[in-house]
Amino acid sequence: MSKSNRAILNYQQRCSREYSSEIKLLPEPYTYPNGNPIRPLPPIQTAVGGMMIIGAYPSARFESRPSKRMPGKSRLIPIADNLQPFGNEQYFDGQRVRTLESGDGLRKYLLSESPFTADKCWITDLVKVFLYKKDHELSCGDVVPEFKVPVLRSRFLEIAEDNIKWMREECELCKPKLILTLGEEVAQVISGNKSAKADDLLSREIAYTTKLGNYPVLYLPHPDACRRSEKWRMNMKERCKLIQKYVR
């Protein structure tokens, strides 16, 4: 194993062991409704010297469970960690085959337009653990009423800022030619402009970010936004042209 690969493996191991303990807002234990632990998800695609892609936080695997409040109906609840950030993942949720939509969107809207494939990128998330949304509180409260959902999605910016050191370490391991961030919130944290909006952040030229060691960065829309909106699909196409010019 090369020195570089050993350093990456060491980082993955430490992230898995230590990351959650540094997030003061996480309860102990931090679990899914059925008791599965919510663990940090370190990067798996870890190519060095290419594009680094930074999402917000991992999704989860979901399962369809019978509703206790609405007989004959079902609810989707998170039950387990994904395998990797933005992975090519399929599974059966009890009702149908599901895919990891963010992973599909990354390949469809970004990687298909870029000079790099996923295995030539370093793909990661700014926050390494799944975060419950208000909607999850409702669905989990219906299916598993005894489980108290720790709704932390609204505190993403706070959690991300507290753990930026992990992202800086990844940058030093990756030594990216170009950092690409996905979505408004990740751009807010990395740029340091917490009040800036998507229309501003996602129209900026390639710049340098002191937050992550002065590497070049370009702020992109999230693949989920591209899936929902023609505006952001067109924005992504234009941003990909900048990437092509920069890395060729």
C-alpha atoms as a PDB file:
ATOM      1  CA  MET A   1       0.000   0.000   0.000  1.00  0.00           C
ATOM      2  CA  SER A   2       1.356   3.432  -0.966  1.00  0.00           C
ATOM      3  CA  LYS A   3       1.991   6.162   1.586  1.00  0.00           C
ATOM      4  CA  SER A   4      -0.913   8.150   0.145  1.00  0.00           C
ATOM      5  CA  ASN A   5      -3.317   5.203   0.401  1.00  0.00           C
ATOM      6  CA  ARG A   6      -2.228   4.499   3.969  1.00  0.00           C
ATOM      7  CA  ALA A   7      -2.926   8.119   4.925  1.00  0.00           C
ATOM      8  CA  ILE A   8      -6.381   7.963   3.332  1.00  0.00           C
ATOM      9  CA  LEU A   9      -7.195   4.712   5.121  1.00  0.00           C
ATOM     10  CA  ASN A  10      -6.030   6.209   8.414  1.00  0.00           C
ATOM     11  CA  TYR A  11      -8.330   9.176   7.846  1.00  0.00           C
ATOM     12  CA  GLN A  12     -11.305   6.919   7.038  1.00  0.00           C
ATOM     13  CA  GLN A  13     -10.697   4.893  10.185  1.00  0.00           C
ATOM     14  CA  ARG A  14     -10.401   7.944  12.433  1.00  0.00           C
ATOM     15  CA  CYS A  15     -13.474   9.537  10.875  1.00  0.00           C
ATOM     16  CA  SER A  16     -15.477   6.382  11.544  1.00  0.00           C
ATOM     17  CA  ARG A  17     -14.300   6.231  15.179  1.00  0.00           C
ATOM     18  CA  GLU A  18     -14.096   9.860  16.242  1.00  0.00           C
ATOM     19  CA  TYR A  19     -16.273  12.105  14.084  1.00  0.00           C
ATOM     20  CA  SER A  20     -19.613  11.699  15.866  1.00  0.00           C
ATOM     21  CA  SER A  21     -18.132  12.416  19.296  1.00  0.00           C
ATOM     22  CA  GLU A  22     -17.134  15.890  18.083  1.00  0.00           C
ATOM     23  CA  ILE A  23     -20.719  16.862  17.163  1.00  0.00           C
ATOM     24  CA  LYS A  24     -22.056  18.213  20.423  1.00  0.00           C
ATOM     25  CA  LEU A  25     -25.652  18.231  19.172  1.00  0.00           C
ATOM     26  CA  LEU A  26     -25.829  14.486  18.521  1.00  0.00           C
ATOM     27  CA  PRO A  27     -27.579  12.394  21.173  1.00  0.00           C
ATOM     28  CA  GLU A  28     -25.898   9.273  22.520  1.00  0.00           C
ATOM     29  CA  PRO A  29     -26.784   6.800  21.170  1.00  0.00           C
ATOM     30  CA  TYR A  30     -27.628   8.298  17.767  1.00  0.00           C
ATOM     31  CA  THR A  31     -29.763   5.719  15.977  1.00  0.00           C
ATOM     32  CA  TYR A  32     -32.410   4.982  13.395  1.00  0.00           C
ATOM     33  CA  PRO A  33     -35.892   4.135  14.743  1.00  0.00           C
ATOM     34  CA  ASN A  34     -35.209   0.370  14.706  1.00  0.00           C
ATOM     35  CA  GLY A  35     -31.993   0.803  16.724  1.00  0.00           C
ATOM     36  CA  ASN A  36     -29.414   0.682  13.928  1.00  0.00           C
ATOM     37  CA  PRO A  37     -26.592   3.120  14.755  1.00  0.00           C
ATOM     38  CA  ILE A  38     -26.150   6.209  12.589  1.00  0.00           C
ATOM     39  CA  ARG A  39     -22.450   6.169  11.785  1.00  0.00           C
ATOM     40  CA  PRO A  40     -20.181   8.671  10.022  1.00  0.00           C
ATOM     41  CA  LEU A  41     -19.873   8.026   6.298  1.00  0.00           C
ATOM     42  CA  PRO A  42     -16.276   8.692   5.192  1.00  0.00           C
ATOM     43  CA  PRO A  43     -15.462   9.123   1.496  1.00  0.00           C
ATOM     44  CA  ILE A  44     -15.038   5.897  -0.500  1.00  0.00           C
ATOM     45  CA  GLN A  45     -14.253   7.404  -3.905  1.00  0.00           C
ATOM     46  CA  THR A  46     -10.885   8.959  -3.016  1.00  0.00           C
ATOM     47  CA  ALA A  47      -8.999   9.789  -6.195  1.00  0.00           C
ATOM     48  CA  VAL A  48      -6.113  12.205  -5.617  1.00  0.00           C
ATOM     49  CA  GLY A  49      -5.320  15.247  -7.740  1.00  0.00           C
ATOM     50  CA  GLY A  50      -8.624  15.485  -9.618  1.00  0.00           C
ATOM     51  CA  MET A  51     -12.014  16.943  -8.778  1.00  0.00           C
ATOM     52  CA  MET A  52     -13.244  16.974  -5.206  1.00  0.00           C
ATOM     53  CA  ILE A  53     -17.053  16.971  -4.915  1.00  0.00           C
ATOM     54  CA  ILE A  54     -18.589  18.071  -1.601  1.00  0.00           C
ATOM     55  CA  GLY A  55     -22.237  17.430  -0.778  1.00  0.00           C
ATOM     56  CA  ALA A  56     -24.105  18.498   2.343  1.00  0.00           C
ATOM     57  CA  TYR A  57     -24.711  15.287   4.360  1.00  0.00           C
ATOM     58  CA  PRO A  58     -25.548  11.620   3.658  1.00  0.00           C
ATOM     59  CA  SER A  59     -29.020  10.362   2.946  1.00  0.00           C
ATOM     60  CA  ALA A  60     -30.102   6.965   4.319  1.00  0.00           C
ATOM     61  CA  ARG A  61     -31.766   3.743   3.270  1.00  0.00           C
ATOM     62  CA  PHE A  62     -35.525   3.925   3.714  1.00  0.00           C
ATOM     63  CA  GLU A  63     -38.121   1.228   4.338  1.00  0.00           C
ATOM     64  CA  SER A  64     -41.887   1.211   3.908  1.00  0.00           C
ATOM     65  CA  ARG A  65     -43.620   0.391   7.201  1.00  0.00           C
ATOM     66  CA  PRO A  66     -47.344   0.179   8.115  1.00  0.00           C
ATOM     67  CA  SER A  67     -48.820   3.394   9.501  1.00  0.00           C
ATOM     68  CA  LYS A  68     -50.285   3.112  12.995  1.00  0.00           C
ATOM     69  CA  ARG A  69     -52.451   6.205  12.532  1.00  0.00           C
ATOM     70  CA  MET A  70     -53.808   5.430   9.066  1.00  0.00           C
ATOM     71  CA  PRO A  71     -54.859   1.766   8.675  1.00  0.00           C
ATOM     72  CA  GLY A  72     -54.000   0.383   5.249  1.00  0.00           C
ATOM     73  CA  LYS A  73     -51.411   3.100   4.602  1.00  0.00           C
ATOM     74  CA  SER A  74     -47.640   2.988   4.872  1.00  0.00           C
ATOM     75  CA  ARG A  75     -44.819   5.393   5.690  1.00  0.00           C
ATOM     76  CA  LEU A  76     -41.212   5.575   4.557  1.00  0.00           C
ATOM     77  CA  ILE A  77     -38.766   5.778   7.431  1.00  0.00           C
ATOM     78  CA  PRO A  78     -34.934   5.803   7.467  1.00  0.00           C
ATOM     79  CA  ILE A  79     -33.536   2.512   8.727  1.00  0.00           C
ATOM     80  CA  ALA A  80     -29.817   2.289   7.793  1.00  0.00           C
ATOM     81  CA  ASP A  81     -26.778   4.188   6.491  1.00  0.00           C
ATOM     82  CA  ASN A  82     -25.960   4.447   2.812  1.00  0.00           C
ATOM     83  CA  LEU A  83     -22.844   2.644   1.621  1.00  0.00           C
ATOM     84  CA  GLN A  84     -20.974   5.749   0.447  1.00  0.00           C
ATOM     85  CA  PRO A  85     -21.590   9.404  -0.434  1.00  0.00           C
ATOM     86  CA  PHE A  86     -23.569   9.692  -3.692  1.00  0.00           C
ATOM     87  CA  GLY A  87     -23.198   5.987  -4.412  1.00  0.00           C
ATOM     88  CA  ASN A  88     -24.714   3.928  -7.204  1.00  0.00           C
ATOM     89  CA  GLU A  89     -27.071   2.165  -4.836  1.00  0.00           C
ATOM     90  CA  GLN A  90     -30.237   0.086  -5.312  1.00  0.00           C
ATOM     91  CA  TYR A  91     -32.285  -1.742  -2.686  1.00  0.00           C
ATOM     92  CA  PHE A  92     -35.820  -3.008  -2.013  1.00  0.00           C
ATOM     93  CA  ASP A  93     -37.773  -0.946   0.519  1.00  0.00           C
ATOM     94  CA  GLY A  94     -40.552  -3.467   1.146  1.00  0.00           C
ATOM     95  CA  GLN A  95     -42.736  -2.053  -1.627  1.00  0.00           C
ATOM     96  CA  ARG A  96     -40.449  -1.322  -4.570  1.00  0.00           C
ATOM     97  CA  VAL A  97     -36.853  -1.005  -5.709  1.00  0.00           C
ATOM     98  CA  ARG A  98     -35.350   2.323  -4.741  1.00  0.00           C
ATOM     99  CA  THR A  99     -32.184   4.058  -5.885  1.00  0.00           C
ATOM    100  CA  LEU A 100     -30.092   6.703  -4.172  1.00  0.00           C
ATOM    101  CA  GLU A 101     -31.490   9.684  -6.086  1.00  0.00           C
ATOM    102  CA  SER A 102     -28.654  12.048  -5.182  1.00  0.00           C
ATOM    103  CA  GLY A 103     -26.148   9.550  -6.605  1.00  0.00           C
ATOM    104  CA  ASP A 104     -28.158   9.139  -9.799  1.00  0.00           C
ATOM    105  CA  GLY A 105     -28.459  12.914 -10.072  1.00  0.00           C
ATOM    106  CA  LEU A 106     -24.739  13.459  -9.595  1.00  0.00           C
ATOM    107  CA  ARG A 107     -23.959  11.153 -12.508  1.00  0.00           C
ATOM    108  CA  LYS A 108     -26.743  12.529 -14.714  1.00  0.00           C
ATOM    109  CA  TYR A 109     -26.339  16.268 -14.206  1.00  0.00           C
ATOM    110  CA  LEU A 110     -22.658  16.695 -13.297  1.00  0.00           C
ATOM    111  CA  LEU A 111     -20.399  13.753 -14.100  1.00  0.00           C
ATOM    112  CA  SER A 112     -21.919  13.141 -17.534  1.00  0.00           C
ATOM    113  CA  GLU A 113     -20.993  16.742 -18.423  1.00  0.00           C
ATOM    114  CA  SER A 114     -17.512  16.705 -16.888  1.00  0.00           C
ATOM    115  CA  PRO A 115     -14.157  15.256 -17.986  1.00  0.00           C
ATOM    116  CA  PHE A 116     -14.042  13.000 -14.897  1.00  0.00           C
ATOM    117  CA  THR A 117     -15.868   9.798 -13.972  1.00  0.00           C
ATOM    118  CA  ALA A 118     -16.790   9.042 -10.359  1.00  0.00           C
ATOM    119  CA  ASP A 119     -13.733   6.831  -9.851  1.00  0.00           C
ATOM    120  CA  LYS A 120     -11.502   9.769 -10.816  1.00  0.00           C
ATOM    121  CA  CYS A 121     -13.052  12.043  -8.159  1.00  0.00           C
ATOM    122  CA  TRP A 122     -12.914  12.475  -4.402  1.00  0.00           C
ATOM    123  CA  ILE A 123     -16.603  12.412  -3.400  1.00  0.00           C
ATOM    124  CA  THR A 124     -17.566  13.389   0.130  1.00  0.00           C
ATOM    125  CA  ASP A 125     -20.013  15.274   2.370  1.00  0.00           C
ATOM    126  CA  LEU A 126     -19.402  18.310   4.527  1.00  0.00           C
ATOM    127  CA  VAL A 127     -21.341  16.736   7.424  1.00  0.00           C
ATOM    128  CA  LYS A 128     -20.650  13.002   7.659  1.00  0.00           C
ATOM    129  CA  VAL A 129     -23.816  11.730   9.362  1.00  0.00           C
ATOM    130  CA  PHE A 130     -27.469  11.493   8.359  1.00  0.00           C
ATOM    131  CA  LEU A 131     -29.602  14.308   9.790  1.00  0.00           C
ATOM    132  CA  TYR A 132     -33.293  13.947  10.591  1.00  0.00           C
ATOM    133  CA  LYS A 133     -35.718  16.442   9.024  1.00  0.00           C
ATOM    134  CA  LYS A 134     -39.077  17.570  10.395  1.00  0.00           C
ATOM    135  CA  ASP A 135     -40.781  15.242   7.881  1.00  0.00           C
ATOM    136  CA  HIS A 136     -38.896  12.319   9.390  1.00  0.00           C
ATOM    137  CA  GLU A 137     -40.224  13.253  12.817  1.00  0.00           C
ATOM    138  CA  LEU A 138     -43.758  12.866  11.461  1.00  0.00           C
ATOM    139  CA  SER A 139     -43.199   9.579   9.611  1.00  0.00           C
ATOM    140  CA  CYS A 140     -41.124   7.959  12.366  1.00  0.00           C
ATOM    141  CA  GLY A 141     -43.518   9.214  15.036  1.00  0.00           C
ATOM    142  CA  ASP A 142     -46.347   7.470  13.197  1.00  0.00           C
ATOM    143  CA  VAL A 143     -44.571   4.137  12.660  1.00  0.00           C
ATOM    144  CA  VAL A 144     -42.455   3.975  15.843  1.00  0.00           C
ATOM    145  CA  PRO A 145     -44.184   6.372  18.278  1.00  0.00           C
ATOM    146  CA  GLU A 146     -41.898   5.427  21.174  1.00  0.00           C
ATOM    147  CA  PHE A 147     -38.857   6.683  19.247  1.00  0.00           C
ATOM    148  CA  LYS A 148     -37.969  10.334  19.863  1.00  0.00           C
ATOM    149  CA  VAL A 149     -36.593  11.824  16.638  1.00  0.00           C
ATOM    150  CA  PRO A 150     -33.670  14.266  17.120  1.00  0.00           C
ATOM    151  CA  VAL A 151     -34.469  16.805  14.371  1.00  0.00           C
ATOM    152  CA  LEU A 152     -31.089  18.335  13.488  1.00  0.00           C
ATOM    153  CA  ARG A 153     -31.403  19.181   9.782  1.00  0.00           C
ATOM    154  CA  SER A 154     -32.245  22.805  10.579  1.00  0.00           C
ATOM    155  CA  ARG A 155     -28.901  23.103  12.399  1.00  0.00           C
ATOM    156  CA  PHE A 156     -26.811  21.951   9.444  1.00  0.00           C
ATOM    157  CA  LEU A 157     -24.791  25.174   9.178  1.00  0.00           C
ATOM    158  CA  GLU A 158     -23.828  25.003  12.850  1.00  0.00           C
ATOM    159  CA  ILE A 159     -22.811  21.343  12.656  1.00  0.00           C
ATOM    160  CA  ALA A 160     -20.851  21.897   9.435  1.00  0.00           C
ATOM    161  CA  GLU A 161     -18.923  24.846  10.855  1.00  0.00           C
ATOM    162  CA  ASP A 162     -17.991  22.902  13.977  1.00  0.00           C
ATOM    163  CA  ASN A 163     -16.481  20.087  11.900  1.00  0.00           C
ATOM    164  CA  ILE A 164     -14.747  21.992   9.099  1.00  0.00           C
ATOM    165  CA  LYS A 165     -11.366  20.628  10.245  1.00  0.00           C
ATOM    166  CA  TRP A 166     -12.314  17.202   8.871  1.00  0.00           C
ATOM    167  CA  MET A 167     -12.934  18.745   5.466  1.00  0.00           C
ATOM    168  CA  ARG A 168      -9.613  20.584   5.537  1.00  0.00           C
ATOM    169  CA  GLU A 169      -7.838  17.312   6.249  1.00  0.00           C
ATOM    170  CA  GLU A 170      -9.575  15.677   3.287  1.00  0.00           C
ATOM    171  CA  CYS A 171      -8.401  18.498   1.037  1.00  0.00           C
ATOM    172  CA  GLU A 172      -4.805  17.948   2.094  1.00  0.00           C
ATOM    173  CA  LEU A 173      -5.145  14.251   1.292  1.00  0.00           C
ATOM    174  CA  CYS A 174      -6.929  14.842  -2.010  1.00  0.00           C
ATOM    175  CA  LYS A 175      -4.919  17.851  -3.245  1.00  0.00           C
ATOM    176  CA  PRO A 176      -7.754  18.680  -5.632  1.00  0.00           C
ATOM    177  CA  LYS A 177      -7.306  20.382  -8.959  1.00  0.00           C
ATOM    178  CA  LEU A 178     -10.766  21.857  -8.372  1.00  0.00           C
ATOM    179  CA  ILE A 179     -13.305  21.662  -5.526  1.00  0.00           C
ATOM    180  CA  LEU A 180     -16.977  21.485  -6.530  1.00  0.00           C
ATOM    181  CA  THR A 181     -19.614  22.122  -3.865  1.00  0.00           C
ATOM    182  CA  LEU A 182     -23.251  21.057  -4.218  1.00  0.00           C
ATOM    183  CA  GLY A 183     -26.113  23.258  -3.064  1.00  0.00           C
ATOM    184  CA  GLU A 184     -26.618  26.606  -1.374  1.00  0.00           C
ATOM    185  CA  GLU A 185     -25.751  25.618   2.188  1.00  0.00           C
ATOM    186  CA  VAL A 186     -22.429  23.970   1.405  1.00  0.00           C
ATOM    187  CA  ALA A 187     -21.498  27.050  -0.643  1.00  0.00           C
ATOM    188  CA  GLN A 188     -22.452  29.291   2.289  1.00  0.00           C
ATOM    189  CA  VAL A 189     -20.165  27.405   4.679  1.00  0.00           C
ATOM    190  CA  ILE A 190     -17.191  27.091   2.321  1.00  0.00           C
ATOM    191  CA  SER A 191     -17.429  30.698   1.083  1.00  0.00           C
ATOM    192  CA  GLY A 192     -17.974  32.083   4.582  1.00  0.00           C
ATOM    193  CA  ASN A 193     -21.009  34.023   3.280  1.00  0.00           C
ATOM    194  CA  LYS A 194     -23.774  32.577   5.463  1.00  0.00           C
ATOM    195  CA  SER A 195     -26.350  35.113   4.264  1.00  0.00           C
ATOM    196  CA  ALA A 196     -25.590  34.748   0.537  1.00  0.00           C
ATOM    197  CA  LYS A 197     -28.323  33.125  -1.553  1.00  0.00           C
ATOM    198  CA  ALA A 198     -28.163  30.509  -4.277  1.00  0.00           C
ATOM    199  CA  ASP A 199     -28.655  32.976  -7.150  1.00  0.00           C
ATOM    200  CA  ASP A 200     -25.497  34.787  -6.007  1.00  0.00           C
ATOM    201  CA  LEU A 201     -23.308  31.864  -4.914  1.00  0.00           C
ATOM    202  CA  LEU A 202     -24.120  29.639  -7.879  1.00  0.00           C
ATOM    203  CA  SER A 203     -23.290  32.305 -10.424  1.00  0.00           C
ATOM    204  CA  ARG A 204     -19.780  33.093  -9.130  1.00  0.00           C
ATOM    205  CA  GLU A 205     -16.619  32.334 -11.055  1.00  0.00           C
ATOM    206  CA  ILE A 206     -13.969  29.892  -9.829  1.00  0.00           C
ATOM    207  CA  ALA A 207     -12.298  31.411  -6.771  1.00  0.00           C
ATOM    208  CA  TYR A 208     -10.009  30.299  -3.933  1.00  0.00           C
ATOM    209  CA  THR A 209     -11.310  29.241  -0.553  1.00  0.00           C
ATOM    210  CA  THR A 210      -9.227  29.958   2.522  1.00  0.00           C
ATOM    211  CA  LYS A 211     -11.599  27.750   4.538  1.00  0.00           C
ATOM    212  CA  LEU A 212     -10.161  24.660   2.840  1.00  0.00           C
ATOM    213  CA  GLY A 213      -6.507  25.535   2.323  1.00  0.00           C
ATOM    214  CA  ASN A 214      -6.758  27.988  -0.551  1.00  0.00           C
ATOM    215  CA  TYR A 215      -7.775  25.475  -3.206  1.00  0.00           C
ATOM    216  CA  PRO A 216      -9.862  26.615  -6.207  1.00  0.00           C
ATOM    217  CA  VAL A 217     -13.603  26.133  -5.745  1.00  0.00           C
ATOM    218  CA  LEU A 218     -16.730  26.375  -7.869  1.00  0.00           C
ATOM    219  CA  TYR A 219     -20.204  26.395  -6.324  1.00  0.00           C
ATOM    220  CA  LEU A 220     -22.791  24.218  -8.106  1.00  0.00           C
ATOM    221  CA  PRO A 221     -26.489  23.480  -7.628  1.00  0.00           C
ATOM    222  CA  HIS A 222     -27.372  20.244  -5.892  1.00  0.00           C
ATOM    223  CA  PRO A 223     -28.397  17.371  -8.205  1.00  0.00           C
ATOM    224  CA  ASP A 224     -31.769  17.217  -6.426  1.00  0.00           C
ATOM    225  CA  ALA A 225     -32.399  20.850  -7.398  1.00  0.00           C
ATOM    226  CA  CYS A 226     -31.492  19.997 -11.003  1.00  0.00           C
ATOM    227  CA  ARG A 227     -33.977  17.132 -10.957  1.00  0.00           C
ATOM    228  CA  ARG A 228     -36.768  19.457  -9.827  1.00  0.00           C
ATOM    229  CA  SER A 229     -35.986  22.664 -11.722  1.00  0.00           C
ATOM    230  CA  GLU A 230     -35.118  23.583 -15.316  1.00  0.00           C
ATOM    231  CA  LYS A 231     -33.454  26.738 -13.988  1.00  0.00           C
ATOM    232  CA  TRP A 232     -30.867  24.753 -12.031  1.00  0.00           C
ATOM    233  CA  ARG A 233     -30.386  22.185 -14.788  1.00  0.00           C
ATOM    234  CA  MET A 234     -29.392  25.019 -17.113  1.00  0.00           C
ATOM    235  CA  ASN A 235     -27.198  26.544 -14.400  1.00  0.00           C
ATOM    236  CA  MET A 236     -25.394  23.203 -13.988  1.00  0.00           C
ATOM    237  CA  LYS A 237     -24.770  22.947 -17.732  1.00  0.00           C
ATOM    238  CA  GLU A 238     -23.199  26.418 -17.760  1.00  0.00           C
ATOM    239  CA  ARG A 239     -21.085  25.646 -14.684  1.00  0.00           C
ATOM    240  CA  CYS A 240     -19.866  22.441 -16.308  1.00  0.00           C
ATOM    241  CA  LYS A 241     -18.525  24.511 -19.192  1.00  0.00           C
ATOM    242  CA  LEU A 242     -16.365  26.395 -16.685  1.00  0.00           C
ATOM    243  CA  ILE A 243     -15.095  23.078 -15.321  1.00  0.00           C
ATOM    244  CA  GLN A 244     -14.205  21.854 -18.799  1.00  0.00           C
ATOM    245  CA  LYS A 245     -12.203  25.003 -19.519  1.00  0.00           C
ATOM    246  CA  TYR A 246     -10.425  24.932 -16.161  1.00  0.00           C
ATOM    247  CA  VAL A 247      -9.242  21.312 -16.147  1.00  0.00           C
ATOM    248  CA  ARG A 248      -8.387  20.718 -19.798  1.00  0.00           C
END
